[in-house]
């Protein structure tokens, strides 16, 4: 499964020497962006949207966007990553109103494409937003998680931004020492970001399963990954490594792969070793 970009928000009580990062941008398409939820969906027609795209410095026109949205809908990819790929760098706007009109029109066009109904690109029209049903919460975890359970936990977490934020604060408040271990490892920025984000993911999913993960101190980190670490968690880390190496932005250096994998598995082992049922 391609996992969406993590959206944990940090407000650590004591910041490590290197600021927390969101992690390498794996091919994890985000299914919910808080700011996008506030934007009205509209479509003012091809001429209006083409003009807005040109002014913003976009790489394509409306026809290109429609095709990209059709491909995304077929692959169940949400609009946000497709929209942000329309620019080589950052979009340019003459005013906040231009930015709001452009993104409202793009989101509206995505809704029209996703509806599967025919529509006229040349005409403006009202857009009815389709509300995606959120993934259900994972079942309470009994014993070691398997891959199916991890996927269900991740889908729920990805669809629940407030829950993700709550767990992000919990991770920051309990795991300063864990982040310090990563910071002291000498990894690159991409390596640091990957290890931190994978540790957050495991923490968040296991907490959702009803476990309480105590604070990891430096002395809790084993010299080798635990043999008792569930296979599904090892696969979760390995899948993330593959995606991180193939990322378009901030890819994980191939030569750092062994060190990143080793540290991530040792830290995840420490988290798993300290878990207790609530």
Foldseek 3Di string as FASTA:
>chain_A
DQAAQADADADFPDADPDGADSAFGFVHAFPDDVVLVPAAAWAAAQVVLQVLCVQFAFPDGPVVLLVLLLVCLVVVHDCVVVVVVRHPDGTDDPDVVSVRVNSNNSNNSSQVSNVVDDDDRGHIDHGDDDDDDQQDQAEADDPADAQVRLVSNSSNCSRDVVLSHVLSHVCSHQEPQLLNVLVVPPFDPNLSNLLVNLLSSLSSSNVSNQKDFGHFHPVLQDPFQDPPHDPRSLVVSVVSLVRQCVGPPSRGDPVCVVVSSGSSRRSSSSRVVRIDGD
